[in-house]
Structure formats: C-alpha cells, structure tokens
Amino acid sequence: MPLTASLVAICDALKTKLETNSTILGLKAVYYGDQDKLPVSPVVCVEPDTKVRDLKGVPRKTEVTVTVYLMVYHSEITDVQTNRYSADELAEAVETLVHQDPQLDGLVVHCMITRVESGYSNKANSIMRSSRLTFEATTQELLPMST
C-alpha cells in the first residue's frame, strides 16, 4: 500500500487491526473516537489527535507525524487490584500488537506506542479503569506544486 498522511486512514487501519485481533485481545468492541457510554467492556476507542507536517525537501516533500490515542477501558471498578492488573495487561497486549507491525500495513514509514498512561475514567456515571496509549506514526507526503 502507498504511504498516507491521512489521520482518518491511519485511525481506520488501527481500528481494523484491533477488530481483527479482538478475540485474541479479549475485546468486546472497538470504536472510532472516544465514547461517552460504553455498553460493554473491555473496549478500545481509537481517538484521533494531531497531524503535524514539516517541509523536508524540495519540491514540497513533507514529513508528517500523526498522533492517535488508543483509549483502553476495562470494566467498572469492583476489586481494585484485579481490575488494575487486567487493565494493565490489556494495555500491554494492545501495545505488543501495534509493535508487531512497524509500518502499519505499509501506510507509514514507522510507528510505535510512545507512552502508556494508566488511570481511570468516568463513563456514564461509572468509574472504569483505563489506559491511554499514545500512538505516533511518521510518514511522508509530496504536496502538489502550484499551477
């Protein structure tokens, strides 16, 4: 596949990769964008963040860095230790899956999880364990020349 600088295409590829591996990961759902209500658990929400473009050559060759958050949500808190452990295990399994494909099916030059933040989130008046994984991809795009 050709390289892409599309934030939407990269998020869609991540969502598809997570959906394809949802049984192995034990995910009940994968969503595009963070959700206010989560009817099932555990889930991952693929949340687009930023696209930054830098000029890297002539004529109009650019390097693009895309940042996406993978929001991992794991059940309402009932037993703090068990839920925290399960949430952390799931976050690491998602990280491992992403790292197995350093070019995201040929869409980017390089990608990886650069940060994992553990915590909790309030969803529909329920507290859930959560982890925010920061996914960063580097790609290239040649911009059109003026006519």
N, C-alpha and C. Protein backbone atom coordinates (compact mmCIF):
# COMPACT_ATOMS: atom_id res chain seq x y z
N MET A 1 0.85 -1.19 0.00
CA MET A 1 0.00 0.00 0.00
C MET A 1 0.89 1.25 0.00
N PRO A 2 0.43 2.32 -0.62
CA PRO A 2 1.21 3.56 -0.61
C PRO A 2 1.13 4.25 0.75
N LEU A 3 2.16 5.05 1.03
CA LEU A 3 2.16 5.83 2.27
C LEU A 3 0.97 6.78 2.28
N THR A 4 0.47 7.07 3.47
CA THR A 4 -0.63 8.02 3.61
C THR A 4 -0.30 9.03 4.70
N ALA A 5 -0.82 10.23 4.54
CA ALA A 5 -0.73 11.26 5.57
C ALA A 5 -2.11 11.55 6.15
N SER A 6 -3.06 10.69 5.87
CA SER A 6 -4.43 10.88 6.32
C SER A 6 -4.61 10.38 7.75
N LEU A 7 -4.98 11.27 8.64
CA LEU A 7 -5.27 10.91 10.02
C LEU A 7 -6.41 9.90 10.08
N VAL A 8 -7.41 10.09 9.24
CA VAL A 8 -8.56 9.18 9.20
C VAL A 8 -8.13 7.79 8.74
N ALA A 9 -7.32 7.71 7.69
CA ALA A 9 -6.88 6.40 7.17
C ALA A 9 -6.04 5.66 8.20
N ILE A 10 -5.19 6.36 8.91
CA ILE A 10 -4.35 5.74 9.92
C ILE A 10 -5.21 5.25 11.09
N CYS A 11 -6.16 6.06 11.53
CA CYS A 11 -7.07 5.63 12.61
C CYS A 11 -7.90 4.43 12.18
N ASP A 12 -8.37 4.46 10.94
CA ASP A 12 -9.17 3.35 10.44
C ASP A 12 -8.34 2.06 10.39
N ALA A 13 -7.07 2.16 10.00
CA ALA A 13 -6.20 0.98 9.97
C ALA A 13 -5.97 0.44 11.38
N LEU A 14 -5.79 1.32 12.34
CA LEU A 14 -5.64 0.88 13.73
C LEU A 14 -6.91 0.19 14.23
N LYS A 15 -8.05 0.79 13.92
CA LYS A 15 -9.34 0.22 14.34
C LYS A 15 -9.51 -1.17 13.73
N THR A 16 -9.22 -1.31 12.46
CA THR A 16 -9.34 -2.60 11.78
C THR A 16 -8.39 -3.63 12.39
N LYS A 17 -7.15 -3.23 12.67
CA LYS A 17 -6.18 -4.14 13.28
C LYS A 17 -6.67 -4.62 14.64
N LEU A 18 -7.23 -3.71 15.45
CA LEU A 18 -7.75 -4.10 16.76
C LEU A 18 -8.98 -4.99 16.64
N GLU A 19 -9.86 -4.67 15.70
CA GLU A 19 -11.06 -5.50 15.48
C GLU A 19 -10.67 -6.90 15.03
N THR A 20 -9.72 -6.99 14.12
CA THR A 20 -9.27 -8.28 13.61
C THR A 20 -8.70 -9.16 14.73
N ASN A 21 -8.07 -8.52 15.71
CA ASN A 21 -7.44 -9.25 16.81
C ASN A 21 -8.24 -9.16 18.10
N SER A 22 -9.50 -8.76 18.01
CA SER A 22 -10.31 -8.55 19.23
C SER A 22 -10.49 -9.83 20.04
N THR A 23 -10.63 -10.96 19.39
CA THR A 23 -10.80 -12.22 20.13
C THR A 23 -9.54 -12.54 20.93
N ILE A 24 -8.39 -12.41 20.28
CA ILE A 24 -7.11 -12.68 20.96
C ILE A 24 -6.91 -11.73 22.13
N LEU A 25 -7.26 -10.47 21.94
CA LEU A 25 -7.10 -9.46 22.99
C LEU A 25 -8.19 -9.54 24.06
N GLY A 26 -9.30 -10.19 23.73
CA GLY A 26 -10.42 -10.25 24.67
C GLY A 26 -11.29 -9.01 24.66
N LEU A 27 -11.25 -8.26 23.55
CA LEU A 27 -12.04 -7.03 23.44
C LEU A 27 -13.48 -7.34 23.06
N LYS A 28 -14.41 -6.60 23.65
CA LYS A 28 -15.82 -6.74 23.30
C LYS A 28 -16.20 -5.78 22.17
N ALA A 29 -15.44 -4.68 22.03
CA ALA A 29 -15.74 -3.70 20.98
C ALA A 29 -14.53 -2.80 20.75
N VAL A 30 -14.49 -2.23 19.54
CA VAL A 30 -13.50 -1.22 19.17
C VAL A 30 -14.28 -0.08 18.52
N TYR A 31 -14.04 1.14 18.98
CA TYR A 31 -14.79 2.29 18.48
C TYR A 31 -13.85 3.31 17.84
N TYR A 32 -14.36 4.01 16.83
CA TYR A 32 -13.65 5.16 16.25
C TYR A 32 -14.07 6.37 17.06
N GLY A 33 -13.16 6.95 17.78
CA GLY A 33 -13.45 8.09 18.64
C GLY A 33 -13.82 7.63 20.04
N ASP A 34 -13.49 8.47 21.01
CA ASP A 34 -13.82 8.17 22.40
C ASP A 34 -15.34 8.23 22.57
N GLN A 35 -15.86 7.41 23.45
CA GLN A 35 -17.31 7.30 23.64
C GLN A 35 -17.71 7.78 25.03
N ASP A 36 -18.91 8.38 25.14
CA ASP A 36 -19.42 8.78 26.44
C ASP A 36 -19.97 7.59 27.21
N LYS A 37 -20.61 6.68 26.50
CA LYS A 37 -21.19 5.48 27.12
C LYS A 37 -20.53 4.25 26.52
N LEU A 38 -20.20 3.32 27.39
CA LEU A 38 -19.59 2.07 26.96
C LEU A 38 -20.48 0.92 27.42
N PRO A 39 -21.28 0.35 26.50
CA PRO A 39 -22.23 -0.69 26.89
C PRO A 39 -21.58 -2.02 27.25
N VAL A 40 -20.33 -2.25 26.81
CA VAL A 40 -19.61 -3.49 27.10
C VAL A 40 -18.20 -3.16 27.55
N SER A 41 -17.51 -4.15 28.05
CA SER A 41 -16.13 -3.97 28.48
C SER A 41 -15.43 -5.32 28.40
N PRO A 42 -14.17 -5.34 28.07
CA PRO A 42 -13.27 -4.23 27.77
C PRO A 42 -13.40 -3.75 26.32
N VAL A 43 -13.03 -2.50 26.11
CA VAL A 43 -13.09 -1.90 24.78
C VAL A 43 -11.86 -1.03 24.54
N VAL A 44 -11.63 -0.72 23.27
CA VAL A 44 -10.61 0.26 22.89
C VAL A 44 -11.29 1.30 22.01
N CYS A 45 -11.03 2.57 22.31
CA CYS A 45 -11.50 3.67 21.48
C CYS A 45 -10.29 4.27 20.77
N VAL A 46 -10.36 4.37 19.46
CA VAL A 46 -9.29 4.95 18.65
C VAL A 46 -9.62 6.43 18.49
N GLU A 47 -8.87 7.27 19.20
CA GLU A 47 -9.16 8.70 19.27
C GLU A 47 -8.12 9.51 18.47
N PRO A 48 -8.50 10.07 17.32
CA PRO A 48 -7.56 10.89 16.55
C PRO A 48 -7.10 12.10 17.37
N ASP A 49 -5.83 12.47 17.21
CA ASP A 49 -5.32 13.63 17.93
C ASP A 49 -4.75 14.66 16.97
N THR A 50 -3.49 14.54 16.58
CA THR A 50 -2.88 15.60 15.78
C THR A 50 -2.18 15.05 14.54
N LYS A 51 -2.01 15.96 13.58
CA LYS A 51 -1.19 15.71 12.40
C LYS A 51 -0.31 16.93 12.23
N VAL A 52 1.01 16.72 12.25
CA VAL A 52 1.97 17.81 12.14
C VAL A 52 2.81 17.57 10.90
N ARG A 53 2.97 18.62 10.09
CA ARG A 53 3.68 18.49 8.83
C ARG A 53 4.90 19.43 8.84
N ASP A 54 6.07 18.89 8.40
CA ASP A 54 7.29 19.68 8.28
C ASP A 54 7.84 19.52 6.87
N LEU A 55 8.33 20.62 6.31
CA LEU A 55 8.96 20.58 5.00
C LEU A 55 10.31 19.88 5.13
N LYS A 56 10.55 18.85 4.30
CA LYS A 56 11.78 18.07 4.39
C LYS A 56 12.55 18.01 3.08
N GLY A 57 12.15 18.74 2.09
CA GLY A 57 12.88 18.71 0.83
C GLY A 57 12.11 19.44 -0.24
N VAL A 58 12.78 19.55 -1.36
CA VAL A 58 12.13 20.19 -2.49
C VAL A 58 11.92 19.14 -3.56
N PRO A 59 10.96 19.19 -4.36
CA PRO A 59 9.89 20.20 -4.31
C PRO A 59 8.75 19.74 -3.40
N ARG A 60 8.55 20.42 -2.29
CA ARG A 60 7.41 20.26 -1.38
C ARG A 60 7.27 18.86 -0.78
N LYS A 61 8.40 18.22 -0.50
CA LYS A 61 8.36 16.94 0.20
C LYS A 61 8.18 17.22 1.69
N THR A 62 7.23 16.55 2.32
CA THR A 62 6.96 16.79 3.73
C THR A 62 7.07 15.51 4.54
N GLU A 63 7.43 15.68 5.80
CA GLU A 63 7.38 14.60 6.77
C GLU A 63 6.19 14.89 7.67
N VAL A 64 5.35 13.89 7.87
CA VAL A 64 4.12 14.07 8.63
C VAL A 64 4.17 13.15 9.86
N THR A 65 3.89 13.73 11.02
CA THR A 65 3.78 12.96 12.25
C THR A 65 2.33 12.97 12.69
N VAL A 66 1.78 11.78 12.86
CA VAL A 66 0.38 11.62 13.27
C VAL A 66 0.36 11.03 14.67
N THR A 67 -0.47 11.62 15.53
CA THR A 67 -0.64 11.12 16.89
C THR A 67 -2.09 10.69 17.09
N VAL A 68 -2.25 9.49 17.63
CA VAL A 68 -3.56 8.91 17.90
C VAL A 68 -3.53 8.34 19.31
N TYR A 69 -4.62 8.53 20.05
CA TYR A 69 -4.72 7.91 21.37
C TYR A 69 -5.55 6.63 21.26
N LEU A 70 -5.03 5.56 21.82
CA LEU A 70 -5.78 4.33 21.96
C LEU A 70 -6.24 4.28 23.42
N MET A 71 -7.53 4.51 23.61
CA MET A 71 -8.11 4.55 24.95
C MET A 71 -8.62 3.16 25.30
N VAL A 72 -7.98 2.53 26.27
CA VAL A 72 -8.34 1.17 26.69
C VAL A 72 -9.18 1.28 27.96
N TYR A 73 -10.41 0.77 27.91
CA TYR A 73 -11.30 0.81 29.06
C TYR A 73 -11.60 -0.61 29.51
N HIS A 74 -11.52 -0.80 30.82
CA HIS A 74 -11.71 -2.14 31.37
C HIS A 74 -12.61 -2.10 32.59
N SER A 75 -13.79 -2.61 32.47
CA SER A 75 -14.82 -2.84 33.49
C SER A 75 -14.90 -1.82 34.63
N GLU A 76 -16.07 -1.79 35.20
CA GLU A 76 -16.29 -0.95 36.37
C GLU A 76 -15.43 -1.48 37.51
N ILE A 77 -15.03 -0.57 38.36
CA ILE A 77 -14.16 -0.97 39.47
C ILE A 77 -14.97 -1.74 40.50
N THR A 78 -14.59 -2.99 40.72
CA THR A 78 -15.19 -3.79 41.78
C THR A 78 -14.09 -4.22 42.74
N ASP A 79 -13.03 -4.82 42.23
CA ASP A 79 -11.86 -5.16 43.02
C ASP A 79 -10.69 -4.41 42.40
N VAL A 80 -10.16 -3.45 43.11
CA VAL A 80 -9.17 -2.53 42.56
C VAL A 80 -7.95 -3.27 42.00
N GLN A 81 -7.42 -4.22 42.76
CA GLN A 81 -6.22 -4.93 42.30
C GLN A 81 -6.48 -5.73 41.03
N THR A 82 -7.55 -6.48 41.02
CA THR A 82 -7.87 -7.32 39.86
C THR A 82 -8.12 -6.48 38.63
N ASN A 83 -8.91 -5.43 38.77
CA ASN A 83 -9.21 -4.58 37.61
C ASN A 83 -7.98 -3.83 37.10
N ARG A 84 -7.17 -3.33 38.01
CA ARG A 84 -5.95 -2.62 37.59
C ARG A 84 -5.03 -3.57 36.84
N TYR A 85 -4.84 -4.76 37.37
CA TYR A 85 -3.97 -5.75 36.74
C TYR A 85 -4.49 -6.12 35.36
N SER A 86 -5.78 -6.39 35.26
CA SER A 86 -6.38 -6.76 33.97
C SER A 86 -6.28 -5.62 32.96
N ALA A 87 -6.51 -4.40 33.42
CA ALA A 87 -6.42 -3.23 32.53
C ALA A 87 -4.99 -3.03 32.04
N ASP A 88 -4.02 -3.19 32.93
CA ASP A 88 -2.62 -3.04 32.54
C ASP A 88 -2.20 -4.13 31.57
N GLU A 89 -2.65 -5.36 31.82
CA GLU A 89 -2.35 -6.47 30.90
C GLU A 89 -2.91 -6.20 29.52
N LEU A 90 -4.14 -5.72 29.46
CA LEU A 90 -4.77 -5.43 28.17
C LEU A 90 -4.03 -4.32 27.44
N ALA A 91 -3.66 -3.26 28.16
CA ALA A 91 -2.92 -2.16 27.54
C ALA A 91 -1.60 -2.66 26.95
N GLU A 92 -0.92 -3.52 27.68
CA GLU A 92 0.35 -4.06 27.17
C GLU A 92 0.14 -4.99 25.99
N ALA A 93 -0.96 -5.73 25.98
CA ALA A 93 -1.27 -6.60 24.83
C ALA A 93 -1.54 -5.77 23.59
N VAL A 94 -2.26 -4.65 23.75
CA VAL A 94 -2.51 -3.74 22.62
C VAL A 94 -1.20 -3.15 22.13
N GLU A 95 -0.35 -2.73 23.05
CA GLU A 95 0.97 -2.19 22.69
C GLU A 95 1.78 -3.22 21.90
N THR A 96 1.81 -4.44 22.37
CA THR A 96 2.55 -5.51 21.69
C THR A 96 2.01 -5.74 20.28
N LEU A 97 0.69 -5.75 20.14
CA LEU A 97 0.07 -5.93 18.82
C LEU A 97 0.50 -4.82 17.86
N VAL A 98 0.44 -3.58 18.30
CA VAL A 98 0.82 -2.45 17.44
C VAL A 98 2.29 -2.55 17.05
N HIS A 99 3.14 -2.94 17.99
CA HIS A 99 4.58 -3.01 17.70
C HIS A 99 4.95 -4.14 16.74
N GLN A 100 4.06 -5.09 16.53
CA GLN A 100 4.33 -6.18 15.58
C GLN A 100 4.23 -5.71 14.13
N ASP A 101 3.73 -4.51 13.90
CA ASP A 101 3.55 -4.00 12.53
C ASP A 101 4.12 -2.58 12.45
N PRO A 102 5.46 -2.45 12.34
CA PRO A 102 6.08 -1.13 12.42
C PRO A 102 5.77 -0.17 11.27
N GLN A 103 5.16 -0.66 10.19
CA GLN A 103 4.76 0.22 9.08
C GLN A 103 3.24 0.28 8.90
N LEU A 104 2.49 -0.26 9.83
CA LEU A 104 1.03 -0.25 9.80
C LEU A 104 0.51 -0.64 8.41
N ASP A 105 0.84 -1.86 8.03
CA ASP A 105 0.43 -2.41 6.73
C ASP A 105 0.91 -1.56 5.55
N GLY A 106 2.07 -0.93 5.69
CA GLY A 106 2.65 -0.15 4.60
C GLY A 106 2.12 1.27 4.47
N LEU A 107 1.28 1.71 5.41
CA LEU A 107 0.70 3.06 5.33
C LEU A 107 1.65 4.16 5.82
N VAL A 108 2.62 3.79 6.68
CA VAL A 108 3.52 4.78 7.27
C VAL A 108 4.95 4.29 7.19
N VAL A 109 5.90 5.21 7.37
CA VAL A 109 7.31 4.85 7.37
C VAL A 109 7.65 4.12 8.67
N HIS A 110 7.12 4.59 9.78
CA HIS A 110 7.40 4.00 11.08
C HIS A 110 6.28 4.37 12.06
N CYS A 111 5.98 3.45 12.98
CA CYS A 111 5.01 3.77 14.02
C CYS A 111 5.32 2.98 15.28
N MET A 112 4.87 3.52 16.41
CA MET A 112 5.04 2.82 17.68
C MET A 112 4.20 3.51 18.76
N ILE A 113 4.01 2.78 19.85
CA ILE A 113 3.41 3.36 21.04
C ILE A 113 4.52 4.08 21.78
N THR A 114 4.35 5.36 22.04
CA THR A 114 5.40 6.13 22.69
C THR A 114 5.14 6.39 24.17
N ARG A 115 3.90 6.12 24.61
CA ARG A 115 3.57 6.41 26.01
C ARG A 115 2.36 5.57 26.41
N VAL A 116 2.39 5.06 27.65
CA VAL A 116 1.25 4.35 28.22
C VAL A 116 0.96 5.00 29.56
N GLU A 117 -0.28 5.49 29.71
CA GLU A 117 -0.68 6.15 30.94
C GLU A 117 -1.84 5.39 31.57
N SER A 118 -1.65 4.93 32.79
CA SER A 118 -2.69 4.18 33.49
C SER A 118 -3.49 5.11 34.38
N GLY A 119 -4.77 4.79 34.54
CA GLY A 119 -5.62 5.60 35.39
C GLY A 119 -7.03 5.07 35.42
N TYR A 120 -7.97 5.98 35.54
CA TYR A 120 -9.38 5.61 35.50
C TYR A 120 -10.15 6.72 34.82
N SER A 121 -11.35 6.40 34.38
CA SER A 121 -12.20 7.35 33.66
C SER A 121 -13.63 7.23 34.15
N ASN A 122 -14.35 8.34 34.07
CA ASN A 122 -15.76 8.35 34.42
C ASN A 122 -16.55 8.26 33.11
N LYS A 123 -17.29 7.16 32.96
CA LYS A 123 -18.09 6.93 31.77
C LYS A 123 -19.53 6.65 32.19
N ALA A 124 -20.44 7.51 31.79
CA ALA A 124 -21.87 7.35 32.09
C ALA A 124 -22.09 7.08 33.58
N ASN A 125 -21.46 7.92 34.40
CA ASN A 125 -21.59 7.85 35.87
C ASN A 125 -21.04 6.56 36.46
N SER A 126 -20.16 5.88 35.75
CA SER A 126 -19.45 4.71 36.26
C SER A 126 -17.96 4.95 36.14
N ILE A 127 -17.23 4.52 37.14
CA ILE A 127 -15.78 4.65 37.09
C ILE A 127 -15.21 3.36 36.51
N MET A 128 -14.36 3.55 35.49
CA MET A 128 -13.73 2.41 34.82
C MET A 128 -12.22 2.59 34.86
N ARG A 129 -11.52 1.50 34.95
CA ARG A 129 -10.07 1.53 34.79
C ARG A 129 -9.78 1.82 33.33
N SER A 130 -8.74 2.60 33.09
CA SER A 130 -8.41 2.95 31.72
C SER A 130 -6.91 3.12 31.56
N SER A 131 -6.49 3.02 30.33
CA SER A 131 -5.11 3.32 29.95
C SER A 131 -5.17 4.11 28.66
N ARG A 132 -4.31 5.11 28.56
CA ARG A 132 -4.22 5.88 27.32
C ARG A 132 -2.86 5.59 26.70
N LEU A 133 -2.91 4.95 25.53
CA LEU A 133 -1.70 4.65 24.80
C LEU A 133 -1.53 5.70 23.71
N THR A 134 -0.38 6.33 23.67
CA THR A 134 -0.09 7.32 22.63
C THR A 134 0.62 6.62 21.48
N PHE A 135 -0.06 6.62 20.33
CA PHE A 135 0.47 6.03 19.11
C PHE A 135 1.00 7.17 18.24
N GLU A 136 2.23 7.03 17.76
CA GLU A 136 2.80 8.03 16.86
C GLU A 136 3.30 7.34 15.60
N ALA A 137 2.98 7.95 14.47
CA ALA A 137 3.41 7.43 13.18
C ALA A 137 4.11 8.54 12.41
N THR A 138 5.16 8.16 11.72
CA THR A 138 5.87 9.08 10.84
C THR A 138 5.64 8.60 9.42
N THR A 139 5.28 9.55 8.56
CA THR A 139 5.05 9.21 7.16
C THR A 139 5.54 10.38 6.29
N GLN A 140 5.39 10.25 5.01
CA GLN A 140 5.83 11.29 4.08
C GLN A 140 4.74 11.56 3.06
N GLU A 141 4.75 12.80 2.58
CA GLU A 141 3.79 13.16 1.52
C GLU A 141 4.41 14.25 0.67
N LEU A 142 4.24 14.11 -0.62
CA LEU A 142 4.68 15.13 -1.57
C LEU A 142 3.47 16.00 -1.88
N LEU A 143 3.54 17.26 -1.53
CA LEU A 143 2.42 18.18 -1.78
C LEU A 143 2.41 18.61 -3.23
N PRO A 144 1.22 18.92 -3.76
CA PRO A 144 1.16 19.33 -5.17
C PRO A 144 1.87 20.67 -5.40
N MET A 145 2.38 20.80 -6.59
CA MET A 145 3.04 22.05 -7.00
C MET A 145 1.98 23.04 -7.46
N SER A 146 2.29 24.31 -7.34
CA SER A 146 1.33 25.33 -7.81
C SER A 146 1.30 25.29 -9.34
N THR A 147 0.15 25.67 -9.89
CA THR A 147 0.00 25.63 -11.35
C THR A 147 0.11 27.00 -11.95
